[in-house]
C-alpha atoms as a PDB file:
ATOM      1  CA  UNK A   1     -12.029  11.900  15.611  1.00  0.00           C
ATOM      2  CA  UNK A   2     -15.763  12.529  15.979  1.00  0.00           C
ATOM      3  CA  UNK A   3     -16.426   9.823  13.402  1.00  0.00           C
ATOM      4  CA  UNK A   4     -14.422   7.295  15.428  1.00  0.00           C
ATOM      5  CA  UNK A   5     -16.351   8.155  18.600  1.00  0.00           C
ATOM      6  CA  UNK A   6     -19.719   7.887  16.830  1.00  0.00           C
ATOM      7  CA  UNK A   7     -18.698   4.582  15.245  1.00  0.00           C
ATOM      8  CA  UNK A   8     -17.550   3.249  18.615  1.00  0.00           C
ATOM      9  CA  UNK A   9     -20.817   4.274  20.284  1.00  0.00           C
ATOM     10  CA  UNK A  10     -22.884   2.688  17.505  1.00  0.00           C
ATOM     11  CA  UNK A  11     -20.872  -0.538  17.680  1.00  0.00           C
ATOM     12  CA  UNK A  12     -21.377  -0.697  21.433  1.00  0.00           C
ATOM     13  CA  UNK A  13     -25.111  -0.055  21.041  1.00  0.00           C
ATOM     14  CA  UNK A  14     -25.357  -2.845  18.454  1.00  0.00           C
ATOM     15  CA  UNK A  15     -23.409  -5.187  20.733  1.00  0.00           C
ATOM     16  CA  UNK A  16     -25.650  -4.502  23.709  1.00  0.00           C
ATOM     17  CA  UNK A  17     -28.817  -4.797  21.630  1.00  0.00           C
ATOM     18  CA  UNK A  18     -27.576  -8.100  20.160  1.00  0.00           C
ATOM     19  CA  UNK A  19     -26.838  -9.438  23.638  1.00  0.00           C
ATOM     20  CA  UNK A  20     -30.330  -8.420  24.765  1.00  0.00           C
ATOM     21  CA  UNK A  21     -31.816 -10.179  21.748  1.00  0.00           C
ATOM     22  CA  UNK A  22     -29.675 -13.285  22.364  1.00  0.00           C
ATOM     23  CA  UNK A  23     -31.017 -13.407  25.917  1.00  0.00           C
ATOM     24  CA  UNK A  24     -34.524 -13.089  24.501  1.00  0.00           C
ATOM     25  CA  UNK A  25     -33.873 -16.035  22.190  1.00  0.00           C
ATOM     26  CA  UNK A  26     -32.511 -18.225  25.003  1.00  0.00           C
ATOM     27  CA  UNK A  27     -35.628 -17.449  27.024  1.00  0.00           C
ATOM     28  CA  UNK A  28     -37.729 -18.615  24.088  1.00  0.00           C
ATOM     29  CA  UNK A  29     -39.334 -15.216  23.553  1.00  0.00           C
ATOM     30  CA  UNK A  30     -40.566 -14.109  20.177  1.00  0.00           C
ATOM     31  CA  UNK A  31     -38.418 -11.662  18.215  1.00  0.00           C
ATOM     32  CA  UNK A  32     -39.821  -8.455  16.820  1.00  0.00           C
ATOM     33  CA  UNK A  33     -39.044  -7.153  13.356  1.00  0.00           C
ATOM     34  CA  UNK A  34     -36.784  -4.585  15.000  1.00  0.00           C
ATOM     35  CA  UNK A  35     -34.894  -7.368  16.794  1.00  0.00           C
ATOM     36  CA  UNK A  36     -34.307  -9.164  13.500  1.00  0.00           C
ATOM     37  CA  UNK A  37     -33.136  -5.944  11.837  1.00  0.00           C
ATOM     38  CA  UNK A  38     -30.735  -5.286  14.703  1.00  0.00           C
ATOM     39  CA  UNK A  39     -29.306  -8.807  14.366  1.00  0.00           C
ATOM     40  CA  UNK A  40     -28.888  -8.277  10.623  1.00  0.00           C
ATOM     41  CA  UNK A  41     -27.163  -4.939  11.226  1.00  0.00           C
ATOM     42  CA  UNK A  42     -24.847  -6.577  13.744  1.00  0.00           C
ATOM     43  CA  UNK A  43     -23.933  -9.323  11.260  1.00  0.00           C
ATOM     44  CA  UNK A  44     -23.388  -6.734   8.513  1.00  0.00           C
ATOM     45  CA  UNK A  45     -21.158  -4.722  10.857  1.00  0.00           C
ATOM     46  CA  UNK A  46     -19.085  -7.813  11.688  1.00  0.00           C
ATOM     47  CA  UNK A  47     -18.780  -8.685   8.002  1.00  0.00           C
ATOM     48  CA  UNK A  48     -17.672  -5.122   7.205  1.00  0.00           C
ATOM     49  CA  UNK A  49     -15.007  -5.330   9.915  1.00  0.00           C
ATOM     50  CA  UNK A  50     -13.684  -8.570   8.391  1.00  0.00           C
ATOM     51  CA  UNK A  51     -13.688  -7.022   4.917  1.00  0.00           C
ATOM     52  CA  UNK A  52     -11.947  -3.897   6.251  1.00  0.00           C
ATOM     53  CA  UNK A  53      -9.209  -5.999   7.869  1.00  0.00           C
ATOM     54  CA  UNK A  54      -8.766  -7.950   4.639  1.00  0.00           C
ATOM     55  CA  UNK A  55      -8.616  -4.758   2.596  1.00  0.00           C
ATOM     56  CA  UNK A  56      -6.063  -3.211   4.966  1.00  0.00           C
ATOM     57  CA  UNK A  57      -3.900  -6.348   4.671  1.00  0.00           C
ATOM     58  CA  UNK A  58      -4.058  -6.168   0.880  1.00  0.00           C
ATOM     59  CA  UNK A  59      -3.192  -2.460   0.971  1.00  0.00           C
ATOM     60  CA  UNK A  60      -0.210  -3.184   3.248  1.00  0.00           C
ATOM     61  CA  UNK A  61       0.950  -5.958   0.889  1.00  0.00           C
ATOM     62  CA  UNK A  62       0.572  -3.653  -2.110  1.00  0.00           C
ATOM     63  CA  UNK A  63       2.509  -0.890  -0.348  1.00  0.00           C
ATOM     64  CA  UNK A  64       5.312  -3.363   0.429  1.00  0.00           C
ATOM     65  CA  UNK A  65       5.431  -4.435  -3.211  1.00  0.00           C
ATOM     66  CA  UNK A  66       5.544  -0.777  -4.301  1.00  0.00           C
ATOM     67  CA  UNK A  67       8.378  -0.096  -1.841  1.00  0.00           C
ATOM     68  CA  UNK A  68      10.299  -3.123  -3.120  1.00  0.00           C
ATOM     69  CA  UNK A  69       9.746  -1.960  -6.694  1.00  0.00           C
ATOM     70  CA  UNK A  70      10.963   1.548  -5.838  1.00  0.00           C
ATOM     71  CA  UNK A  71      14.108   0.113  -4.276  1.00  0.00           C
ATOM     72  CA  UNK A  72      14.717  -2.009  -7.351  1.00  0.00           C
ATOM     73  CA  UNK A  73      14.089   0.921  -9.715  1.00  0.00           C
ATOM     74  CA  UNK A  74      16.387   3.209  -7.734  1.00  0.00           C
ATOM     75  CA  UNK A  75      19.116   0.563  -7.850  1.00  0.00           C
ATOM     76  CA  UNK A  76      18.659   0.258 -11.615  1.00  0.00           C
ATOM     77  CA  UNK A  77      18.767   4.040 -12.036  1.00  0.00           C
ATOM     78  CA  UNK A  78      21.956   4.224  -9.952  1.00  0.00           C
ATOM     79  CA  UNK A  79      23.538   1.517 -12.119  1.00  0.00           C
ATOM     80  CA  UNK A  80      22.558   3.396 -15.293  1.00  0.00           C
ATOM     81  CA  UNK A  81      24.017   6.612 -13.884  1.00  0.00           C
ATOM     82  CA  UNK A  82      27.291   4.820 -13.122  1.00  0.00           C
ATOM     83  CA  UNK A  83      27.352   3.282 -16.614  1.00  0.00           C
ATOM     84  CA  UNK A  84      26.794   6.727 -18.151  1.00  0.00           C
ATOM     85  CA  UNK A  85      29.542   8.216 -15.996  1.00  0.00           C
ATOM     86  CA  UNK A  86      31.962   5.509 -17.116  1.00  0.00           C
ATOM     87  CA  UNK A  87      30.878   5.911 -20.745  1.00  0.00           C
ATOM     88  CA  UNK A  88      31.430   9.673 -20.490  1.00  0.00           C
ATOM     89  CA  UNK A  89      34.933   9.064 -19.138  1.00  0.00           C
ATOM     90  CA  UNK A  90      35.682   6.626 -21.937  1.00  0.00           C
ATOM     91  CA  UNK A  91      34.377   8.999 -24.624  1.00  0.00           C
ATOM     92  CA  UNK A  92      36.436  11.835 -23.127  1.00  0.00           C
ATOM     93  CA  UNK A  93      39.528   9.628 -23.169  1.00  0.00           C
ATOM     94  CA  UNK A  94      38.917   8.617 -26.794  1.00  0.00           C
ATOM     95  CA  UNK A  95      38.328  12.262 -27.689  1.00  0.00           C
ATOM     96  CA  UNK A  96      41.646  13.220 -26.087  1.00  0.00           C
ATOM     97  CA  UNK A  97      43.414  10.406 -27.964  1.00  0.00           C
ATOM     98  CA  UNK A  98      41.865  11.487 -31.290  1.00  0.00           C
ATOM     99  CA  UNK A  99      42.912  15.102 -30.713  1.00  0.00           C
ATOM    100  CA  UNK A 100      46.431  14.004 -29.828  1.00  0.00           C
ATOM    101  CA  UNK A 101      46.629  11.846 -32.994  1.00  0.00           C
ATOM    102  CA  UNK A 102      45.323  14.705 -35.162  1.00  0.00           C
ATOM    103  CA  UNK A 103      47.955  17.063 -33.674  1.00  0.00           C
ATOM    104  CA  UNK A 104      50.687  14.565 -34.448  1.00  0.00           C
ATOM    105  CA  UNK A 105      49.443  14.183 -38.024  1.00  0.00           C
ATOM    106  CA  UNK A 106      49.281  17.964 -38.472  1.00  0.00           C
ATOM    107  CA  UNK A 107      52.807  18.397 -37.109  1.00  0.00           C
ATOM    108  CA  UNK A 108      54.089  15.657 -39.406  1.00  0.00           C
ATOM    109  CA  UNK A 109      52.817  17.425 -42.480  1.00  0.00           C
END
């Protein structure tokens, strides 16, 4: 929270200083080294904001792809579980049939 407040205050200070410098330029006044540095800092700050927005968009896209992949994997896992359940039933049925056939053979002898 403190970081957000400090960042907001610094951004506002840069904005006001840049506006003051822009006024200086329109009046044809000479810029100091500090003025130039402030303008550079303002441009860097704007560029960082653009990069941050781009990064956040990419992160959101990646998270969506991960969510879609998780849904797909869970569906596949559920299908495998169902296949195993059906296979277990089939094996149990075959086992019962084999036992029944063996009993018949033993009784016949």
